């Protein structure tokens, strides 16, 4: 049971830092996460209600909500619940702690620091894709993170300023902060 990973996403997110997620023969110690508070959060996929894409977010806590973005990347969230309240935590980055050779084969040419540095890279090294949407991951509490930083979320156009991104301070596997790119209007 993942009781320690259930509850309000703003409380669960920092608790997930240091936890170890194992999938596809690789284990990653989570070093960066981002909270999404469902209907009270314009940055959340659940802000406008239930759809076929986000249905897992409305289910029981402790399951993966996996989505495909930009037509090329998978991203994974841990649903935090309770059931019917679609909170989730995006798994943004981590350090590969087991299965390093497998992870390297999935991201050839990457440094070990960059193997799971970012949500799409993390999914790639763990071999998480849409087929894993709704599964209960193998997630175990790890070594607690002593110093946690927080700041704005990455790449959002709405509610990006909320300090709901949490990371292990001075951890080299944390992704680089990038605000959302301004939309261009053509002439």
N, C-alpha and C. Protein backbone atom coordinates (compact mmCIF):
# COMPACT_ATOMS: atom_id res chain seq x y z
N UNK A 1 0.84 -1.18 0.00
CA UNK A 1 0.00 0.00 0.00
C UNK A 1 0.88 1.25 0.00
N UNK A 2 0.44 2.27 -0.68
CA UNK A 2 1.21 3.51 -0.78
C UNK A 2 0.64 4.59 0.12
N UNK A 3 0.18 4.25 1.32
CA UNK A 3 -0.48 5.23 2.18
C UNK A 3 0.33 6.51 2.35
N UNK A 4 1.64 6.40 2.43
CA UNK A 4 2.50 7.56 2.61
C UNK A 4 2.50 8.47 1.38
N UNK A 5 1.99 7.95 0.24
CA UNK A 5 1.96 8.73 -1.00
C UNK A 5 0.53 9.15 -1.36
N UNK A 6 -0.38 9.10 -0.40
CA UNK A 6 -1.77 9.47 -0.64
C UNK A 6 -2.11 10.73 0.14
N UNK A 7 -2.99 11.57 -0.43
CA UNK A 7 -3.44 12.79 0.23
C UNK A 7 -3.40 13.96 -0.72
N UNK A 8 -3.41 15.15 -0.17
CA UNK A 8 -3.36 16.37 -0.97
C UNK A 8 -2.03 16.41 -1.73
N UNK A 9 -2.07 16.71 -3.04
CA UNK A 9 -0.84 16.67 -3.83
C UNK A 9 0.25 17.62 -3.32
N UNK A 10 -0.13 18.73 -2.68
CA UNK A 10 0.88 19.66 -2.16
C UNK A 10 1.60 19.10 -0.94
N UNK A 11 0.97 18.17 -0.26
CA UNK A 11 1.62 17.50 0.88
C UNK A 11 2.40 16.27 0.41
N UNK A 12 1.84 15.56 -0.57
CA UNK A 12 2.48 14.33 -1.06
C UNK A 12 3.75 14.64 -1.84
N UNK A 13 3.72 15.69 -2.66
CA UNK A 13 4.86 15.99 -3.55
C UNK A 13 6.20 15.99 -2.83
N UNK A 14 6.39 16.78 -1.77
CA UNK A 14 7.71 16.76 -1.13
C UNK A 14 8.03 15.42 -0.46
N UNK A 15 7.00 14.68 -0.04
CA UNK A 15 7.24 13.36 0.57
C UNK A 15 7.75 12.35 -0.46
N UNK A 16 7.43 12.57 -1.74
CA UNK A 16 7.88 11.65 -2.78
C UNK A 16 9.38 11.79 -3.09
N UNK A 17 9.95 12.93 -2.74
CA UNK A 17 11.38 13.12 -3.00
C UNK A 17 12.18 12.08 -2.22
N UNK A 18 13.05 11.39 -2.91
CA UNK A 18 13.85 10.33 -2.30
C UNK A 18 13.23 8.95 -2.46
N UNK A 19 11.93 8.89 -2.79
CA UNK A 19 11.27 7.60 -3.01
C UNK A 19 11.88 6.93 -4.24
N UNK A 20 11.81 5.61 -4.27
CA UNK A 20 12.39 4.85 -5.38
C UNK A 20 11.27 4.20 -6.19
N UNK A 21 11.23 4.55 -7.47
CA UNK A 21 10.25 4.02 -8.41
C UNK A 21 10.98 3.00 -9.28
N UNK A 22 10.42 1.78 -9.36
CA UNK A 22 11.02 0.71 -10.15
C UNK A 22 10.04 0.28 -11.23
N UNK A 23 10.53 0.23 -12.46
CA UNK A 23 9.70 -0.21 -13.59
C UNK A 23 10.64 -0.58 -14.74
N UNK A 24 10.28 -1.58 -15.49
CA UNK A 24 11.06 -1.95 -16.67
C UNK A 24 12.50 -2.32 -16.39
N UNK A 25 12.78 -2.86 -15.21
CA UNK A 25 14.14 -3.28 -14.88
C UNK A 25 15.05 -2.17 -14.41
N UNK A 26 14.49 -0.97 -14.18
CA UNK A 26 15.28 0.19 -13.75
C UNK A 26 14.63 0.78 -12.49
N UNK A 27 15.46 1.24 -11.56
CA UNK A 27 14.98 1.93 -10.37
C UNK A 27 15.53 3.35 -10.36
N UNK A 28 14.65 4.30 -10.07
CA UNK A 28 15.00 5.72 -10.06
C UNK A 28 14.61 6.31 -8.71
N UNK A 29 15.56 7.01 -8.09
CA UNK A 29 15.28 7.78 -6.86
C UNK A 29 14.77 9.14 -7.30
N UNK A 30 13.54 9.48 -6.93
CA UNK A 30 12.92 10.73 -7.36
C UNK A 30 13.61 11.94 -6.73
N UNK A 31 13.99 12.90 -7.58
CA UNK A 31 14.68 14.11 -7.11
C UNK A 31 13.91 15.38 -7.42
N UNK A 32 12.84 15.28 -8.25
CA UNK A 32 12.06 16.47 -8.61
C UNK A 32 10.64 16.03 -8.95
N UNK A 33 9.67 16.76 -8.41
CA UNK A 33 8.25 16.47 -8.64
C UNK A 33 7.49 17.79 -8.73
N UNK A 34 6.24 17.70 -9.20
CA UNK A 34 5.42 18.90 -9.38
C UNK A 34 3.98 18.55 -9.03
N UNK A 35 3.34 19.33 -8.16
CA UNK A 35 1.98 19.06 -7.71
C UNK A 35 0.94 19.69 -8.63
N UNK A 36 -0.17 18.96 -8.83
CA UNK A 36 -1.31 19.44 -9.62
C UNK A 36 -2.59 19.15 -8.84
N UNK A 37 -3.35 20.22 -8.56
CA UNK A 37 -4.48 20.14 -7.63
C UNK A 37 -5.84 20.11 -8.33
N UNK A 38 -5.97 19.39 -9.40
CA UNK A 38 -7.25 19.12 -10.04
C UNK A 38 -8.11 20.34 -10.32
N UNK A 39 -9.36 20.33 -9.86
CA UNK A 39 -10.31 21.38 -10.22
C UNK A 39 -9.97 22.76 -9.67
N UNK A 40 -9.08 22.85 -8.71
CA UNK A 40 -8.69 24.17 -8.18
C UNK A 40 -7.38 24.68 -8.77
N UNK A 41 -6.92 24.00 -9.85
CA UNK A 41 -5.62 24.30 -10.43
C UNK A 41 -5.73 24.41 -11.95
N UNK A 42 -5.68 25.64 -12.51
CA UNK A 42 -5.78 25.81 -13.96
C UNK A 42 -4.66 25.12 -14.75
N UNK A 43 -3.58 24.71 -14.10
CA UNK A 43 -2.50 24.00 -14.77
C UNK A 43 -2.73 22.50 -14.86
N UNK A 44 -3.76 22.00 -14.18
CA UNK A 44 -4.03 20.56 -14.12
C UNK A 44 -4.85 20.08 -15.31
N UNK A 45 -4.58 18.86 -15.75
CA UNK A 45 -5.38 18.24 -16.81
C UNK A 45 -6.82 18.01 -16.36
N UNK A 46 -7.07 18.00 -15.05
CA UNK A 46 -8.41 17.76 -14.51
C UNK A 46 -9.16 19.05 -14.20
N UNK A 47 -8.60 20.18 -14.53
CA UNK A 47 -9.21 21.47 -14.18
C UNK A 47 -10.62 21.62 -14.74
N UNK A 48 -10.83 21.16 -15.94
CA UNK A 48 -12.14 21.32 -16.59
C UNK A 48 -13.02 20.08 -16.46
N UNK A 49 -12.62 19.14 -15.62
CA UNK A 49 -13.45 17.96 -15.40
C UNK A 49 -12.89 16.69 -16.01
N UNK A 50 -13.66 15.64 -15.85
CA UNK A 50 -13.26 14.30 -16.28
C UNK A 50 -13.37 14.15 -17.79
N UNK A 51 -12.34 13.55 -18.37
CA UNK A 51 -12.33 13.20 -19.80
C UNK A 51 -11.79 11.77 -19.93
N UNK A 52 -11.84 11.22 -21.11
CA UNK A 52 -11.27 9.88 -21.29
C UNK A 52 -9.76 9.91 -21.05
N UNK A 53 -9.11 11.03 -21.36
CA UNK A 53 -7.66 11.14 -21.18
C UNK A 53 -7.28 11.15 -19.71
N UNK A 54 -8.01 11.92 -18.87
CA UNK A 54 -7.60 12.12 -17.48
C UNK A 54 -8.37 11.27 -16.47
N UNK A 55 -9.18 10.35 -16.93
CA UNK A 55 -10.05 9.57 -16.05
C UNK A 55 -9.31 8.93 -14.88
N UNK A 56 -8.09 8.46 -15.10
CA UNK A 56 -7.32 7.81 -14.03
C UNK A 56 -7.12 8.76 -12.85
N UNK A 57 -7.01 10.06 -13.13
CA UNK A 57 -6.81 11.04 -12.05
C UNK A 57 -7.99 11.06 -11.07
N UNK A 58 -9.17 10.65 -11.50
CA UNK A 58 -10.36 10.65 -10.66
C UNK A 58 -10.53 9.35 -9.90
N UNK A 59 -9.68 8.39 -10.16
CA UNK A 59 -9.77 7.08 -9.53
C UNK A 59 -9.04 7.03 -8.21
N UNK A 60 -8.79 5.83 -7.73
CA UNK A 60 -8.13 5.69 -6.44
C UNK A 60 -6.68 6.17 -6.49
N UNK A 61 -6.18 6.65 -5.37
CA UNK A 61 -4.79 7.11 -5.32
C UNK A 61 -3.81 5.95 -5.46
N UNK A 62 -2.58 6.31 -5.82
CA UNK A 62 -1.52 5.32 -5.92
C UNK A 62 -1.34 4.71 -7.29
N UNK A 63 -2.06 5.23 -8.28
CA UNK A 63 -1.94 4.72 -9.65
C UNK A 63 -1.23 5.75 -10.52
N UNK A 64 -0.69 5.28 -11.65
CA UNK A 64 -0.03 6.19 -12.58
C UNK A 64 -1.06 6.79 -13.53
N UNK A 65 -0.94 8.09 -13.74
CA UNK A 65 -1.65 8.78 -14.81
C UNK A 65 -0.57 9.12 -15.84
N UNK A 66 -0.63 8.44 -16.99
CA UNK A 66 0.38 8.62 -18.03
C UNK A 66 -0.28 9.29 -19.22
N UNK A 67 0.40 10.28 -19.78
CA UNK A 67 -0.13 10.95 -20.97
C UNK A 67 0.99 11.16 -21.98
N UNK A 68 0.58 11.41 -23.21
CA UNK A 68 1.49 11.61 -24.33
C UNK A 68 1.47 13.09 -24.66
N UNK A 69 2.63 13.72 -24.80
CA UNK A 69 2.69 15.17 -25.01
C UNK A 69 3.58 15.49 -26.20
N UNK A 70 3.24 16.55 -26.91
CA UNK A 70 3.99 17.03 -28.08
C UNK A 70 4.15 15.97 -29.16
N UNK A 71 3.28 14.97 -29.15
CA UNK A 71 3.33 13.92 -30.16
C UNK A 71 4.56 13.05 -30.10
N UNK A 72 5.33 13.11 -28.98
CA UNK A 72 6.55 12.30 -28.92
C UNK A 72 6.99 11.86 -27.55
N UNK A 73 6.45 12.42 -26.46
CA UNK A 73 6.95 12.09 -25.11
C UNK A 73 5.84 11.59 -24.22
N UNK A 74 6.20 10.68 -23.32
CA UNK A 74 5.29 10.25 -22.26
C UNK A 74 5.70 10.93 -20.97
N UNK A 75 4.72 11.27 -20.16
CA UNK A 75 4.95 11.83 -18.82
C UNK A 75 4.08 11.04 -17.86
N UNK A 76 4.55 10.88 -16.61
CA UNK A 76 3.82 10.09 -15.61
C UNK A 76 3.60 10.91 -14.34
N UNK A 77 2.40 10.77 -13.82
CA UNK A 77 2.00 11.37 -12.55
C UNK A 77 1.58 10.26 -11.61
N UNK A 78 1.72 10.48 -10.31
CA UNK A 78 1.16 9.59 -9.32
C UNK A 78 -0.13 10.23 -8.83
N UNK A 79 -1.25 9.53 -8.98
CA UNK A 79 -2.53 10.02 -8.48
C UNK A 79 -2.49 9.97 -6.96
N UNK A 80 -2.89 11.08 -6.33
CA UNK A 80 -2.77 11.17 -4.88
C UNK A 80 -4.10 11.04 -4.15
N UNK A 81 -5.20 11.30 -4.82
CA UNK A 81 -6.52 11.08 -4.23
C UNK A 81 -6.92 12.07 -3.18
N UNK A 82 -8.02 11.82 -2.48
CA UNK A 82 -8.79 10.59 -2.46
C UNK A 82 -9.60 10.39 -3.75
N UNK A 83 -10.15 9.19 -3.91
CA UNK A 83 -10.92 8.88 -5.10
C UNK A 83 -11.99 9.94 -5.33
N UNK A 84 -12.10 10.38 -6.59
CA UNK A 84 -13.05 11.42 -6.94
C UNK A 84 -12.47 12.82 -6.90
N UNK A 85 -11.33 13.00 -6.22
CA UNK A 85 -10.63 14.29 -6.13
C UNK A 85 -9.33 14.15 -6.92
N UNK A 86 -9.29 14.68 -8.15
CA UNK A 86 -8.21 14.35 -9.08
C UNK A 86 -6.88 15.06 -8.86
N UNK A 87 -6.28 14.90 -7.72
CA UNK A 87 -4.94 15.43 -7.50
C UNK A 87 -3.89 14.47 -8.01
N UNK A 88 -2.74 15.00 -8.40
CA UNK A 88 -1.66 14.16 -8.90
C UNK A 88 -0.33 14.88 -8.75
N UNK A 89 0.74 14.11 -8.80
CA UNK A 89 2.09 14.65 -8.72
C UNK A 89 2.86 14.17 -9.95
N UNK A 90 3.33 15.13 -10.77
CA UNK A 90 4.15 14.80 -11.93
C UNK A 90 5.52 14.37 -11.45
N UNK A 91 5.99 13.25 -11.96
CA UNK A 91 7.33 12.73 -11.63
C UNK A 91 8.29 13.35 -12.63
N UNK A 92 9.02 14.38 -12.19
CA UNK A 92 9.81 15.22 -13.11
C UNK A 92 11.23 14.71 -13.37
N UNK A 93 11.91 14.20 -12.35
CA UNK A 93 13.31 13.81 -12.55
C UNK A 93 13.76 12.88 -11.45
N UNK A 94 14.86 12.19 -11.74
CA UNK A 94 15.41 11.29 -10.74
C UNK A 94 16.81 10.82 -11.08
N UNK A 95 17.36 10.08 -10.14
CA UNK A 95 18.69 9.49 -10.29
C UNK A 95 18.51 7.98 -10.46
N UNK A 96 19.08 7.42 -11.50
CA UNK A 96 19.01 5.98 -11.70
C UNK A 96 19.90 5.32 -10.65
N UNK A 97 19.29 4.45 -9.83
CA UNK A 97 20.03 3.80 -8.75
C UNK A 97 20.17 2.29 -8.95
N UNK A 98 19.46 1.75 -9.92
CA UNK A 98 19.60 0.33 -10.26
C UNK A 98 19.16 0.15 -11.71
N UNK A 99 19.84 -0.76 -12.41
CA UNK A 99 19.53 -0.97 -13.82
C UNK A 99 20.14 0.09 -14.72
N UNK A 100 21.30 0.61 -14.32
CA UNK A 100 21.94 1.70 -15.05
C UNK A 100 22.24 1.30 -16.50
N UNK A 101 22.69 0.08 -16.73
CA UNK A 101 23.00 -0.34 -18.10
C UNK A 101 21.75 -0.37 -18.97
N UNK A 102 20.63 -0.80 -18.40
CA UNK A 102 19.36 -0.79 -19.15
C UNK A 102 18.97 0.65 -19.46
N UNK A 103 19.07 1.52 -18.46
CA UNK A 103 18.73 2.94 -18.65
C UNK A 103 19.60 3.56 -19.74
N UNK A 104 20.89 3.25 -19.72
CA UNK A 104 21.80 3.78 -20.75
C UNK A 104 21.42 3.30 -22.14
N UNK A 105 20.95 2.05 -22.23
CA UNK A 105 20.56 1.52 -23.55
C UNK A 105 19.30 2.21 -24.07
N UNK A 106 18.48 2.71 -23.18
CA UNK A 106 17.26 3.42 -23.59
C UNK A 106 17.50 4.88 -23.90
N UNK A 107 18.63 5.42 -23.43
CA UNK A 107 18.99 6.81 -23.71
C UNK A 107 20.47 6.88 -24.07
N UNK A 108 20.84 6.26 -25.19
CA UNK A 108 22.26 6.21 -25.58
C UNK A 108 22.84 7.62 -25.76
N UNK A 109 24.08 7.77 -25.33
CA UNK A 109 24.76 9.05 -25.48
C UNK A 109 24.52 10.01 -24.33
N UNK A 110 23.62 9.68 -23.41
CA UNK A 110 23.35 10.56 -22.26
C UNK A 110 24.35 10.31 -21.15
N UNK A 111 24.66 11.35 -20.43
CA UNK A 111 25.46 11.17 -19.21
C UNK A 111 24.56 10.53 -18.16
N UNK A 112 25.15 9.91 -17.16
CA UNK A 112 24.34 9.30 -16.10
C UNK A 112 23.48 10.34 -15.40
N UNK A 113 23.99 11.54 -15.25
CA UNK A 113 23.23 12.63 -14.62
C UNK A 113 21.96 12.96 -15.41
N UNK A 114 22.03 12.85 -16.73
CA UNK A 114 20.92 13.23 -17.59
C UNK A 114 19.97 12.08 -17.95
N UNK A 115 20.24 10.87 -17.50
CA UNK A 115 19.41 9.74 -17.91
C UNK A 115 17.93 9.96 -17.62
N UNK A 116 17.60 10.44 -16.42
CA UNK A 116 16.20 10.62 -16.02
C UNK A 116 15.95 12.07 -15.59
N UNK A 117 16.65 12.99 -16.22
CA UNK A 117 16.58 14.41 -15.88
C UNK A 117 15.51 15.09 -16.74
N UNK A 118 14.28 15.06 -16.26
CA UNK A 118 13.13 15.59 -16.99
C UNK A 118 12.08 14.51 -17.08
N UNK A 119 10.79 14.89 -17.14
CA UNK A 119 9.72 13.89 -17.09
C UNK A 119 9.69 12.92 -18.26
N UNK A 120 10.00 13.35 -19.46
CA UNK A 120 10.01 12.44 -20.61
C UNK A 120 11.19 11.48 -20.52
N UNK A 121 12.34 11.96 -20.12
CA UNK A 121 13.51 11.11 -19.97
C UNK A 121 13.29 10.07 -18.88
N UNK A 122 12.66 10.50 -17.77
CA UNK A 122 12.37 9.58 -16.68
C UNK A 122 11.48 8.44 -17.18
N UNK A 123 10.44 8.78 -17.94
CA UNK A 123 9.57 7.74 -18.49
C UNK A 123 10.31 6.83 -19.46
N UNK A 124 11.18 7.40 -20.26
CA UNK A 124 11.92 6.58 -21.22
C UNK A 124 12.82 5.57 -20.52
N UNK A 125 13.59 5.99 -19.51
CA UNK A 125 14.49 5.03 -18.85
C UNK A 125 13.72 3.98 -18.07
N UNK A 126 12.52 4.34 -17.58
CA UNK A 126 11.70 3.38 -16.84
C UNK A 126 10.79 2.57 -17.76
N UNK A 127 10.81 2.88 -19.07
CA UNK A 127 9.97 2.20 -20.06
C UNK A 127 8.49 2.34 -19.71
N UNK A 128 8.08 3.56 -19.32
CA UNK A 128 6.69 3.87 -19.02
C UNK A 128 6.08 4.50 -20.25
N UNK A 129 4.91 3.97 -20.66
CA UNK A 129 4.18 4.54 -21.80
C UNK A 129 2.68 4.46 -21.51
N UNK A 130 1.87 4.75 -22.51
CA UNK A 130 0.42 4.79 -22.30
C UNK A 130 -0.15 3.45 -21.82
N UNK A 131 0.51 2.37 -22.11
CA UNK A 131 0.08 1.07 -21.61
C UNK A 131 0.16 0.95 -20.10
N UNK A 132 0.88 1.87 -19.46
CA UNK A 132 1.02 1.87 -18.00
C UNK A 132 0.03 2.81 -17.32
N UNK A 133 -0.80 3.49 -18.12
CA UNK A 133 -1.80 4.38 -17.54
C UNK A 133 -2.74 3.56 -16.65
N UNK A 134 -2.87 3.96 -15.40
CA UNK A 134 -3.76 3.28 -14.46
C UNK A 134 -3.11 2.18 -13.65
N UNK A 135 -1.86 1.82 -13.94
CA UNK A 135 -1.21 0.76 -13.15
C UNK A 135 -0.74 1.31 -11.81
N UNK A 136 -0.62 0.42 -10.87
CA UNK A 136 -0.09 0.77 -9.55
C UNK A 136 1.42 0.51 -9.61
N UNK A 137 2.24 1.55 -9.53
CA UNK A 137 3.69 1.36 -9.71
C UNK A 137 4.34 0.75 -8.48
N UNK A 138 5.54 0.22 -8.71
CA UNK A 138 6.37 -0.23 -7.60
C UNK A 138 7.11 0.99 -7.08
N UNK A 139 6.65 1.50 -5.97
CA UNK A 139 7.18 2.74 -5.39
C UNK A 139 7.43 2.52 -3.92
N UNK A 140 8.64 2.76 -3.48
CA UNK A 140 9.00 2.54 -2.08
C UNK A 140 9.62 3.79 -1.49
N UNK A 141 9.34 4.05 -0.20
CA UNK A 141 10.01 5.20 0.44
C UNK A 141 11.51 4.96 0.39
N UNK A 142 12.24 6.01 0.16
CA UNK A 142 13.69 5.90 0.11
C UNK A 142 14.32 6.73 1.21
N UNK A 143 15.57 7.02 1.02
CA UNK A 143 16.30 7.89 1.95
C UNK A 143 15.64 9.27 1.95
N UNK A 144 15.21 9.78 3.09
CA UNK A 144 14.56 11.10 3.10
C UNK A 144 15.50 12.19 2.58
N UNK A 145 14.92 13.12 1.83
CA UNK A 145 15.68 14.26 1.34
C UNK A 145 15.72 15.30 2.45
N UNK A 146 16.92 15.73 2.81
CA UNK A 146 17.10 16.63 3.94
C UNK A 146 16.73 18.07 3.59
N UNK A 147 17.17 18.54 2.44
CA UNK A 147 16.90 19.92 2.06
C UNK A 147 16.09 19.95 0.77
N UNK A 148 14.90 20.54 0.86
CA UNK A 148 13.97 20.60 -0.27
C UNK A 148 13.79 22.04 -0.70
N UNK A 149 13.89 22.27 -2.00
CA UNK A 149 13.62 23.59 -2.57
C UNK A 149 12.27 23.53 -3.27
N UNK A 150 11.67 24.71 -3.47
CA UNK A 150 10.41 24.76 -4.20
C UNK A 150 10.37 26.02 -5.04
N UNK A 151 9.62 25.95 -6.11
CA UNK A 151 9.52 27.09 -7.01
C UNK A 151 8.42 26.89 -8.01
N UNK A 152 8.37 27.76 -9.03
CA UNK A 152 7.31 27.69 -10.03
C UNK A 152 7.40 26.42 -10.87
N UNK A 153 6.26 26.03 -11.41
CA UNK A 153 6.20 24.84 -12.26
C UNK A 153 6.78 25.17 -13.64
N UNK A 154 7.15 24.12 -14.34
CA UNK A 154 7.88 24.25 -15.60
C UNK A 154 6.94 24.16 -16.80
N UNK A 155 7.12 25.09 -17.76
CA UNK A 155 6.48 24.99 -19.05
C UNK A 155 4.99 25.23 -19.12
N UNK A 156 4.37 25.71 -18.05
CA UNK A 156 2.93 25.95 -18.07
C UNK A 156 2.62 27.36 -18.53
N UNK A 157 1.47 27.51 -19.15
CA UNK A 157 1.00 28.84 -19.53
C UNK A 157 0.07 29.41 -18.46
N UNK A 158 -0.63 28.54 -17.74
CA UNK A 158 -1.56 28.99 -16.70
C UNK A 158 -1.12 28.42 -15.35
N UNK A 159 -1.13 29.27 -14.35
CA UNK A 159 -0.79 28.91 -12.97
C UNK A 159 0.64 28.40 -12.81
N UNK A 160 1.52 28.81 -13.71
CA UNK A 160 2.93 28.40 -13.64
C UNK A 160 3.62 29.01 -12.43
N UNK A 161 3.17 30.19 -12.02
CA UNK A 161 3.84 30.91 -10.94
C UNK A 161 3.66 30.25 -9.57
N UNK A 162 2.72 29.34 -9.46
CA UNK A 162 2.51 28.67 -8.17
C UNK A 162 3.76 27.88 -7.80
N UNK A 163 4.24 28.02 -6.58
CA UNK A 163 5.47 27.32 -6.18
C UNK A 163 5.21 25.86 -5.82
N UNK A 164 4.74 25.11 -6.79
CA UNK A 164 4.32 23.73 -6.55
C UNK A 164 5.27 22.72 -7.18
N UNK A 165 6.46 23.15 -7.54
CA UNK A 165 7.52 22.24 -7.99
C UNK A 165 8.47 22.09 -6.81
N UNK A 166 8.82 20.86 -6.49
CA UNK A 166 9.69 20.55 -5.35
C UNK A 166 10.88 19.74 -5.85
N UNK A 167 12.06 20.03 -5.31
CA UNK A 167 13.24 19.27 -5.73
C UNK A 167 14.24 19.18 -4.60
N UNK A 168 15.10 18.17 -4.69
CA UNK A 168 16.19 17.99 -3.74
C UNK A 168 17.23 19.07 -4.04
N UNK A 169 17.46 19.93 -3.08
CA UNK A 169 18.37 21.06 -3.25
C UNK A 169 19.76 20.57 -3.64
N UNK A 170 20.35 21.26 -4.62
CA UNK A 170 21.71 20.98 -5.11
C UNK A 170 21.88 19.59 -5.72
N UNK A 171 20.79 18.95 -6.10
CA UNK A 171 20.85 17.64 -6.73
C UNK A 171 21.08 17.83 -8.23
N UNK A 172 22.16 17.25 -8.79
CA UNK A 172 22.48 17.47 -10.21
C UNK A 172 21.49 16.84 -11.20
N UNK A 173 20.65 15.90 -10.77
CA UNK A 173 19.72 15.27 -11.70
C UNK A 173 18.42 16.06 -11.87
N UNK A 174 18.26 17.16 -11.14
CA UNK A 174 17.06 17.99 -11.26
C UNK A 174 17.10 18.71 -12.61
N UNK A 175 15.95 18.79 -13.27
CA UNK A 175 15.89 19.42 -14.59
C UNK A 175 16.07 20.93 -14.49
N UNK A 176 16.44 21.52 -15.59
CA UNK A 176 16.63 22.97 -15.67
C UNK A 176 15.27 23.65 -15.74
N UNK A 177 15.09 24.71 -14.97
CA UNK A 177 13.82 25.44 -15.00
C UNK A 177 13.69 26.19 -16.32
N UNK A 178 12.54 26.02 -16.95
CA UNK A 178 12.23 26.75 -18.18
C UNK A 178 10.77 27.19 -18.11
N UNK A 179 10.52 28.50 -18.19
CA UNK A 179 9.13 28.94 -18.25
C UNK A 179 8.53 28.56 -19.60
N UNK A 180 7.23 28.62 -19.69
CA UNK A 180 6.56 28.31 -20.97
C UNK A 180 7.03 29.28 -22.03
N UNK A 181 7.20 28.78 -23.23
CA UNK A 181 7.58 29.65 -24.36
C UNK A 181 6.39 30.51 -24.73
N UNK A 182 6.66 31.76 -25.06
CA UNK A 182 5.59 32.66 -25.50
C UNK A 182 5.05 32.18 -26.82
N UNK A 183 3.74 32.26 -26.95
CA UNK A 183 3.13 31.85 -28.22
C UNK A 183 3.40 32.92 -29.25
N UNK A 184 3.73 32.48 -30.45
CA UNK A 184 3.97 33.42 -31.55
C UNK A 184 2.69 33.59 -32.35
N UNK A 185 2.45 34.79 -32.73
CA UNK A 185 1.31 35.04 -33.62
C UNK A 185 1.87 35.36 -34.99
N UNK A 186 1.35 34.65 -35.98
CA UNK A 186 1.86 34.84 -37.35
C UNK A 186 1.20 36.00 -38.04
N UNK A 187 1.92 36.55 -38.97
CA UNK A 187 1.37 37.64 -39.79
C UNK A 187 1.45 37.24 -41.21
